[in-house]
Each structure stands twice: as structure tokens, then as C-alpha cells.
Amino acid sequence: MISQRLKNVILGVLHLEDFDFKDSTTAAEVPGWDSLKHVAILTAVEQEYAIRFRSLEVIRLGNVGELQALIDRKAPPV
């Protein structure tokens, strides 16, 4: 399940009011999520969660659910 925190980061970068994210949601399904915004979203996520992604981790991501799972593994508990 996508956390509200991650949803807020993505919506903020894309300047969207709301979007119904599901674990299976891909970038192509979200308005305005192109390759440049992808980098901006990943950077914003790293800043929000105080984590760093490796290139190989990012390349393997296929959907928002996989991004959430990666964050859950890397981020310290709140």
C-alpha cells in the first residue's frame, strides 16, 4: 500500500491535487510523470526520507508499489 507520505511527495513534484495511486501504478499512468519528473521525484523521495538510492535499485523499479517497498527497506522507522 502506498503511504500518504510518498503520495504527498509525488503529488507535490507533479503539482497534482490528487491521484489514486495503487501498488501497480506506473509512471506512464500518472499525468505529467515523464523522465525529467522521474528524476525529480526520486530526488524528492531521497530528501523526504533521508535515504539514497543506487542506480541499479532505481532501474529495477517497475511501479509505485516497488518504490514504496524500496523506501520501506531503506528508511529508518519514524
PDB file of N, CA and C in Angstrom:
ATOM      1  N   MET A   1       0.839  -1.182   0.000  1.00  0.00           N
ATOM      2  CA  MET A   1       0.000   0.000   0.000  1.00  0.00           C
ATOM      3  C   MET A   1       0.889   1.252   0.000  1.00  0.00           C
ATOM      4  N   ILE A   2       0.515   2.218  -0.787  1.00  0.00           N
ATOM      5  CA  ILE A   2       1.290   3.439  -0.907  1.00  0.00           C
ATOM      6  C   ILE A   2       0.981   4.341   0.292  1.00  0.00           C
ATOM      7  N   SER A   3       2.028   4.791   0.961  1.00  0.00           N
ATOM      8  CA  SER A   3       1.832   5.643   2.129  1.00  0.00           C
ATOM      9  C   SER A   3       1.391   7.040   1.700  1.00  0.00           C
ATOM     10  N   GLN A   4       0.697   7.706   2.587  1.00  0.00           N
ATOM     11  CA  GLN A   4       0.281   9.086   2.324  1.00  0.00           C
ATOM     12  C   GLN A   4       1.508   9.973   2.161  1.00  0.00           C
ATOM     13  N   ARG A   5       2.559   9.664   2.894  1.00  0.00           N
ATOM     14  CA  ARG A   5       3.801  10.449   2.819  1.00  0.00           C
ATOM     15  C   ARG A   5       4.398  10.383   1.419  1.00  0.00           C
ATOM     16  N   LEU A   6       4.506   9.182   0.851  1.00  0.00           N
ATOM     17  CA  LEU A   6       5.040   9.034  -0.502  1.00  0.00           C
ATOM     18  C   LEU A   6       4.103   9.697  -1.503  1.00  0.00           C
ATOM     19  N   LYS A   7       2.821   9.482  -1.339  1.00  0.00           N
ATOM     20  CA  LYS A   7       1.842  10.098  -2.238  1.00  0.00           C
ATOM     21  C   LYS A   7       2.001  11.616  -2.245  1.00  0.00           C
ATOM     22  N   ASN A   8       2.167  12.205  -1.079  1.00  0.00           N
ATOM     23  CA  ASN A   8       2.322  13.657  -0.988  1.00  0.00           C
ATOM     24  C   ASN A   8       3.577  14.136  -1.698  1.00  0.00           C
ATOM     25  N   VAL A   9       4.659  13.386  -1.593  1.00  0.00           N
ATOM     26  CA  VAL A   9       5.908  13.763  -2.283  1.00  0.00           C
ATOM     27  C   VAL A   9       5.683  13.764  -3.794  1.00  0.00           C
ATOM     28  N   ILE A  10       5.089  12.690  -4.297  1.00  0.00           N
ATOM     29  CA  ILE A  10       4.872  12.573  -5.747  1.00  0.00           C
ATOM     30  C   ILE A  10       3.927  13.659  -6.238  1.00  0.00           C
ATOM     31  N   LEU A  11       2.821  13.847  -5.528  1.00  0.00           N
ATOM     32  CA  LEU A  11       1.858  14.872  -5.933  1.00  0.00           C
ATOM     33  C   LEU A  11       2.491  16.258  -5.915  1.00  0.00           C
ATOM     34  N   GLY A  12       3.331  16.523  -4.938  1.00  0.00           N
ATOM     35  CA  GLY A  12       3.993  17.817  -4.847  1.00  0.00           C
ATOM     36  C   GLY A  12       4.912  18.088  -6.024  1.00  0.00           C
ATOM     37  N   VAL A  13       5.691  17.099  -6.399  1.00  0.00           N
ATOM     38  CA  VAL A  13       6.612  17.265  -7.529  1.00  0.00           C
ATOM     39  C   VAL A  13       5.842  17.445  -8.840  1.00  0.00           C
ATOM     40  N   LEU A  14       4.751  16.707  -8.989  1.00  0.00           N
ATOM     41  CA  LEU A  14       3.977  16.762 -10.226  1.00  0.00           C
ATOM     42  C   LEU A  14       2.938  17.881 -10.231  1.00  0.00           C
ATOM     43  N   HIS A  15       2.821  18.609  -9.115  1.00  0.00           N
ATOM     44  CA  HIS A  15       1.845  19.691  -8.995  1.00  0.00           C
ATOM     45  C   HIS A  15       0.419  19.205  -9.274  1.00  0.00           C
ATOM     46  N   LEU A  16       0.100  18.054  -8.694  1.00  0.00           N
ATOM     47  CA  LEU A  16      -1.239  17.483  -8.811  1.00  0.00           C
ATOM     48  C   LEU A  16      -1.950  17.611  -7.470  1.00  0.00           C
ATOM     49  N   GLU A  17      -3.259  17.804  -7.517  1.00  0.00           N
ATOM     50  CA  GLU A  17      -4.031  17.870  -6.277  1.00  0.00           C
ATOM     51  C   GLU A  17      -4.251  16.488  -5.695  1.00  0.00           C
ATOM     52  N   ASP A  18      -4.544  15.504  -6.560  1.00  0.00           N
ATOM     53  CA  ASP A  18      -4.784  14.150  -6.085  1.00  0.00           C
ATOM     54  C   ASP A  18      -4.624  13.174  -7.243  1.00  0.00           C
ATOM     55  N   PHE A  19      -4.365  11.930  -6.881  1.00  0.00           N
ATOM     56  CA  PHE A  19      -4.300  10.838  -7.844  1.00  0.00           C
ATOM     57  C   PHE A  19      -4.478   9.563  -7.053  1.00  0.00           C
ATOM     58  N   ASP A  20      -5.216   8.618  -7.589  1.00  0.00           N
ATOM     59  CA  ASP A  20      -5.477   7.355  -6.909  1.00  0.00           C
ATOM     60  C   ASP A  20      -4.347   6.369  -7.200  1.00  0.00           C
ATOM     61  N   PHE A  21      -3.282   6.444  -6.393  1.00  0.00           N
ATOM     62  CA  PHE A  21      -2.148   5.542  -6.577  1.00  0.00           C
ATOM     63  C   PHE A  21      -2.483   4.155  -6.055  1.00  0.00           C
ATOM     64  N   LYS A  22      -2.100   3.164  -6.826  1.00  0.00           N
ATOM     65  CA  LYS A  22      -2.183   1.766  -6.415  1.00  0.00           C
ATOM     66  C   LYS A  22      -0.765   1.207  -6.482  1.00  0.00           C
ATOM     67  N   ASP A  23      -0.542   0.070  -5.877  1.00  0.00           N
ATOM     68  CA  ASP A  23       0.789  -0.531  -5.934  1.00  0.00           C
ATOM     69  C   ASP A  23       1.242  -0.748  -7.370  1.00  0.00           C
ATOM     70  N   SER A  24       0.311  -1.050  -8.247  1.00  0.00           N
ATOM     71  CA  SER A  24       0.649  -1.364  -9.637  1.00  0.00           C
ATOM     72  C   SER A  24       0.750  -0.138 -10.542  1.00  0.00           C
ATOM     73  N   THR A  25       0.534   1.062 -10.007  1.00  0.00           N
ATOM     74  CA  THR A  25       0.587   2.281 -10.820  1.00  0.00           C
ATOM     75  C   THR A  25       1.987   2.502 -11.375  1.00  0.00           C
ATOM     76  N   THR A  26       2.061   2.744 -12.678  1.00  0.00           N
ATOM     77  CA  THR A  26       3.336   3.042 -13.324  1.00  0.00           C
ATOM     78  C   THR A  26       3.403   4.524 -13.650  1.00  0.00           C
ATOM     79  N   ALA A  27       4.594   4.999 -13.916  1.00  0.00           N
ATOM     80  CA  ALA A  27       4.796   6.412 -14.238  1.00  0.00           C
ATOM     81  C   ALA A  27       3.959   6.834 -15.442  1.00  0.00           C
ATOM     82  N   ALA A  28       3.838   5.967 -16.418  1.00  0.00           N
ATOM     83  CA  ALA A  28       3.095   6.307 -17.641  1.00  0.00           C
ATOM     84  C   ALA A  28       1.613   6.568 -17.374  1.00  0.00           C
ATOM     85  N   GLU A  29       1.103   6.078 -16.262  1.00  0.00           N
ATOM     86  CA  GLU A  29      -0.312   6.249 -15.928  1.00  0.00           C
ATOM     87  C   GLU A  29      -0.604   7.556 -15.183  1.00  0.00           C
ATOM     88  N   VAL A  30       0.440   8.244 -14.750  1.00  0.00           N
ATOM     89  CA  VAL A  30       0.271   9.439 -13.930  1.00  0.00           C
ATOM     90  C   VAL A  30       0.525  10.681 -14.785  1.00  0.00           C
ATOM     91  N   PRO A  31      -0.443  11.608 -14.830  1.00  0.00           N
ATOM     92  CA  PRO A  31      -0.274  12.816 -15.645  1.00  0.00           C
ATOM     93  C   PRO A  31       0.979  13.605 -15.251  1.00  0.00           C
ATOM     94  N   GLY A  32       1.792  13.920 -16.250  1.00  0.00           N
ATOM     95  CA  GLY A  32       2.975  14.740 -16.026  1.00  0.00           C
ATOM     96  C   GLY A  32       4.216  14.004 -15.571  1.00  0.00           C
ATOM     97  N   TRP A  33       4.115  12.698 -15.340  1.00  0.00           N
ATOM     98  CA  TRP A  33       5.280  11.931 -14.856  1.00  0.00           C
ATOM     99  C   TRP A  33       6.084  11.467 -16.061  1.00  0.00           C
ATOM    100  N   ASP A  34       7.051  12.286 -16.458  1.00  0.00           N
ATOM    101  CA  ASP A  34       7.942  11.946 -17.564  1.00  0.00           C
ATOM    102  C   ASP A  34       9.337  11.656 -17.006  1.00  0.00           C
ATOM    103  N   SER A  35      10.308  11.508 -17.877  1.00  0.00           N
ATOM    104  CA  SER A  35      11.652  11.132 -17.435  1.00  0.00           C
ATOM    105  C   SER A  35      12.302  12.201 -16.558  1.00  0.00           C
ATOM    106  N   LEU A  36      12.072  13.464 -16.854  1.00  0.00           N
ATOM    107  CA  LEU A  36      12.646  14.525 -16.029  1.00  0.00           C
ATOM    108  C   LEU A  36      11.980  14.578 -14.662  1.00  0.00           C
ATOM    109  N   LYS A  37      10.662  14.423 -14.639  1.00  0.00           N
ATOM    110  CA  LYS A  37       9.942  14.413 -13.357  1.00  0.00           C
ATOM    111  C   LYS A  37      10.304  13.170 -12.550  1.00  0.00           C
ATOM    112  N   HIS A  38      10.643  12.091 -13.234  1.00  0.00           N
ATOM    113  CA  HIS A  38      11.050  10.861 -12.554  1.00  0.00           C
ATOM    114  C   HIS A  38      12.280  11.128 -11.681  1.00  0.00           C
ATOM    115  N   VAL A  39      13.245  11.805 -12.252  1.00  0.00           N
ATOM    116  CA  VAL A  39      14.459  12.147 -11.506  1.00  0.00           C
ATOM    117  C   VAL A  39      14.110  13.078 -10.346  1.00  0.00           C
ATOM    118  N   ALA A  40      13.244  14.046 -10.595  1.00  0.00           N
ATOM    119  CA  ALA A  40      12.838  14.980  -9.543  1.00  0.00           C
ATOM    120  C   ALA A  40      12.100  14.255  -8.417  1.00  0.00           C
ATOM    121  N   ILE A  41      11.249  13.299  -8.769  1.00  0.00           N
ATOM    122  CA  ILE A  41      10.523  12.526  -7.752  1.00  0.00           C
ATOM    123  C   ILE A  41      11.496  11.712  -6.915  1.00  0.00           C
ATOM    124  N   LEU A  42      12.426  11.030  -7.547  1.00  0.00           N
ATOM    125  CA  LEU A  42      13.391  10.218  -6.797  1.00  0.00           C
ATOM    126  C   LEU A  42      14.250  11.084  -5.875  1.00  0.00           C
ATOM    127  N   THR A  43      14.651  12.252  -6.346  1.00  0.00           N
ATOM    128  CA  THR A  43      15.432  13.177  -5.525  1.00  0.00           C
ATOM    129  C   THR A  43      14.607  13.661  -4.339  1.00  0.00           C
ATOM    130  N   ALA A  44      13.348  14.006  -4.594  1.00  0.00           N
ATOM    131  CA  ALA A  44      12.468  14.466  -3.516  1.00  0.00           C
ATOM    132  C   ALA A  44      12.224  13.360  -2.493  1.00  0.00           C
ATOM    133  N   VAL A  45      12.084  12.128  -2.958  1.00  0.00           N
ATOM    134  CA  VAL A  45      11.899  10.991  -2.045  1.00  0.00           C
ATOM    135  C   VAL A  45      13.143  10.802  -1.190  1.00  0.00           C
ATOM    136  N   GLU A  46      14.314  10.871  -1.812  1.00  0.00           N
ATOM    137  CA  GLU A  46      15.561  10.739  -1.048  1.00  0.00           C
ATOM    138  C   GLU A  46      15.647  11.804   0.047  1.00  0.00           C
ATOM    139  N   GLN A  47      15.271  13.023  -0.290  1.00  0.00           N
ATOM    140  CA  GLN A  47      15.321  14.107   0.696  1.00  0.00           C
ATOM    141  C   GLN A  47      14.281  13.907   1.798  1.00  0.00           C
ATOM    142  N   GLU A  48      13.073  13.557   1.421  1.00  0.00           N
ATOM    143  CA  GLU A  48      11.992  13.384   2.392  1.00  0.00           C
ATOM    144  C   GLU A  48      12.303  12.284   3.408  1.00  0.00           C
ATOM    145  N   TYR A  49      12.872  11.187   2.919  1.00  0.00           N
ATOM    146  CA  TYR A  49      13.117  10.026   3.773  1.00  0.00           C
ATOM    147  C   TYR A  49      14.560   9.930   4.276  1.00  0.00           C
ATOM    148  N   ALA A  50      15.412  10.872   3.886  1.00  0.00           N
ATOM    149  CA  ALA A  50      16.831  10.872   4.274  1.00  0.00           C
ATOM    150  C   ALA A  50      17.495   9.546   3.911  1.00  0.00           C
ATOM    151  N   ILE A  51      17.290   9.130   2.649  1.00  0.00           N
ATOM    152  CA  ILE A  51      17.889   7.903   2.136  1.00  0.00           C
ATOM    153  C   ILE A  51      18.559   8.208   0.802  1.00  0.00           C
ATOM    154  N   ARG A  52      19.320   7.256   0.305  1.00  0.00           N
ATOM    155  CA  ARG A  52      19.958   7.381  -1.007  1.00  0.00           C
ATOM    156  C   ARG A  52      19.666   6.113  -1.796  1.00  0.00           C
ATOM    157  N   PHE A  53      19.323   6.296  -3.065  1.00  0.00           N
ATOM    158  CA  PHE A  53      19.102   5.166  -3.960  1.00  0.00           C
ATOM    159  C   PHE A  53      20.351   4.926  -4.784  1.00  0.00           C
ATOM    160  N   ARG A  54      20.608   3.678  -5.074  1.00  0.00           N
ATOM    161  CA  ARG A  54      21.662   3.321  -6.023  1.00  0.00           C
ATOM    162  C   ARG A  54      21.026   3.197  -7.404  1.00  0.00           C
ATOM    163  N   SER A  55      21.823   3.425  -8.421  1.00  0.00           N
ATOM    164  CA  SER A  55      21.311   3.384  -9.796  1.00  0.00           C
ATOM    165  C   SER A  55      20.615   2.065 -10.113  1.00  0.00           C
ATOM    166  N   LEU A  56      21.204   0.966  -9.726  1.00  0.00           N
ATOM    167  CA  LEU A  56      20.624  -0.342 -10.015  1.00  0.00           C
ATOM    168  C   LEU A  56      19.266  -0.513  -9.336  1.00  0.00           C
ATOM    169  N   GLU A  57      19.112   0.028  -8.141  1.00  0.00           N
ATOM    170  CA  GLU A  57      17.825  -0.048  -7.441  1.00  0.00           C
ATOM    171  C   GLU A  57      16.753   0.703  -8.225  1.00  0.00           C
ATOM    172  N   VAL A  58      17.113   1.870  -8.720  1.00  0.00           N
ATOM    173  CA  VAL A  58      16.163   2.714  -9.450  1.00  0.00           C
ATOM    174  C   VAL A  58      15.789   2.070 -10.778  1.00  0.00           C
ATOM    175  N   ILE A  59      16.750   1.514 -11.459  1.00  0.00           N
ATOM    176  CA  ILE A  59      16.496   0.885 -12.762  1.00  0.00           C
ATOM    177  C   ILE A  59      15.514  -0.277 -12.625  1.00  0.00           C
ATOM    178  N   ARG A  60      15.566  -0.976 -11.520  1.00  0.00           N
ATOM    179  CA  ARG A  60      14.706  -2.147 -11.309  1.00  0.00           C
ATOM    180  C   ARG A  60      13.267  -1.802 -10.933  1.00  0.00           C
ATOM    181  N   LEU A  61      13.002  -0.555 -10.592  1.00  0.00           N
ATOM    182  CA  LEU A  61      11.656  -0.170 -10.174  1.00  0.00           C
ATOM    183  C   LEU A  61      10.692  -0.228 -11.353  1.00  0.00           C
ATOM    184  N   GLY A  62       9.564  -0.894 -11.149  1.00  0.00           N
ATOM    185  CA  GLY A  62       8.585  -1.008 -12.221  1.00  0.00           C
ATOM    186  C   GLY A  62       7.282  -0.274 -11.946  1.00  0.00           C
ATOM    187  N   ASN A  63       7.032   0.020 -10.667  1.00  0.00           N
ATOM    188  CA  ASN A  63       5.782   0.687 -10.320  1.00  0.00           C
ATOM    189  C   ASN A  63       5.923   1.365  -8.954  1.00  0.00           C
ATOM    190  N   VAL A  64       4.894   2.067  -8.560  1.00  0.00           N
ATOM    191  CA  VAL A  64       4.934   2.827  -7.311  1.00  0.00           C
ATOM    192  C   VAL A  64       5.011   1.899  -6.097  1.00  0.00           C
ATOM    193  N   GLY A  65       4.393   0.738  -6.187  1.00  0.00           N
ATOM    194  CA  GLY A  65       4.463  -0.224  -5.092  1.00  0.00           C
ATOM    195  C   GLY A  65       5.886  -0.690  -4.836  1.00  0.00           C
ATOM    196  N   GLU A  66       6.652  -0.883  -5.894  1.00  0.00           N
ATOM    197  CA  GLU A  66       8.055  -1.277  -5.743  1.00  0.00           C
ATOM    198  C   GLU A  66       8.878  -0.141  -5.154  1.00  0.00           C
ATOM    199  N   LEU A  67       8.550   1.095  -5.510  1.00  0.00           N
ATOM    200  CA  LEU A  67       9.216   2.250  -4.910  1.00  0.00           C
ATOM    201  C   LEU A  67       8.919   2.299  -3.415  1.00  0.00           C
ATOM    202  N   GLN A  68       7.661   2.089  -3.035  1.00  0.00           N
ATOM    203  CA  GLN A  68       7.298   2.095  -1.616  1.00  0.00           C
ATOM    204  C   GLN A  68       8.037   0.995  -0.864  1.00  0.00           C
ATOM    205  N   ALA A  69       8.139  -0.187  -1.455  1.00  0.00           N
ATOM    206  CA  ALA A  69       8.844  -1.299  -0.817  1.00  0.00           C
ATOM    207  C   ALA A  69      10.324  -0.975  -0.627  1.00  0.00           C
ATOM    208  N   LEU A  70      10.932  -0.331  -1.610  1.00  0.00           N
ATOM    209  CA  LEU A  70      12.330   0.064  -1.512  1.00  0.00           C
ATOM    210  C   LEU A  70      12.516   1.089  -0.400  1.00  0.00           C
ATOM    211  N   ILE A  71      11.626   2.056  -0.337  1.00  0.00           N
ATOM    212  CA  ILE A  71      11.681   3.046   0.741  1.00  0.00           C
ATOM    213  C   ILE A  71      11.556   2.358   2.098  1.00  0.00           C
ATOM    214  N   ASP A  72      10.617   1.444   2.212  1.00  0.00           N
ATOM    215  CA  ASP A  72      10.388   0.736   3.470  1.00  0.00           C
ATOM    216  C   ASP A  72      11.627  -0.028   3.926  1.00  0.00           C
ATOM    217  N   ARG A  73      12.384  -0.561   2.975  1.00  0.00           N
ATOM    218  CA  ARG A  73      13.620  -1.280   3.328  1.00  0.00           C
ATOM    219  C   ARG A  73      14.742  -0.343   3.732  1.00  0.00           C
ATOM    220  N   LYS A  74      14.799   0.843   3.144  1.00  0.00           N
ATOM    221  CA  LYS A  74      15.924   1.737   3.358  1.00  0.00           C
ATOM    222  C   LYS A  74      15.713   2.785   4.453  1.00  0.00           C
ATOM    223  N   ALA A  75      14.484   3.220   4.638  1.00  0.00           N
ATOM    224  CA  ALA A  75      14.217   4.338   5.553  1.00  0.00           C
ATOM    225  C   ALA A  75      14.200   3.863   7.006  1.00  0.00           C
ATOM    226  N   PRO A  76      14.776   4.680   7.864  1.00  0.00           N
ATOM    227  CA  PRO A  76      14.683   4.344   9.301  1.00  0.00           C
ATOM    228  C   PRO A  76      13.239   4.502   9.762  1.00  0.00           C
ATOM    229  N   PRO A  77      12.832   3.717  10.752  1.00  0.00           N
ATOM    230  CA  PRO A  77      11.455   3.831  11.250  1.00  0.00           C
ATOM    231  C   PRO A  77      11.193   5.241  11.812  1.00  0.00           C
ATOM    232  N   VAL A  78       9.974   5.694  11.595  1.00  0.00           N
ATOM    233  CA  VAL A  78       9.599   7.050  12.074  1.00  0.00           C
ATOM    234  C   VAL A  78       9.105   6.981  13.490  1.00  0.00           C
TER     235      VAL A  78
END
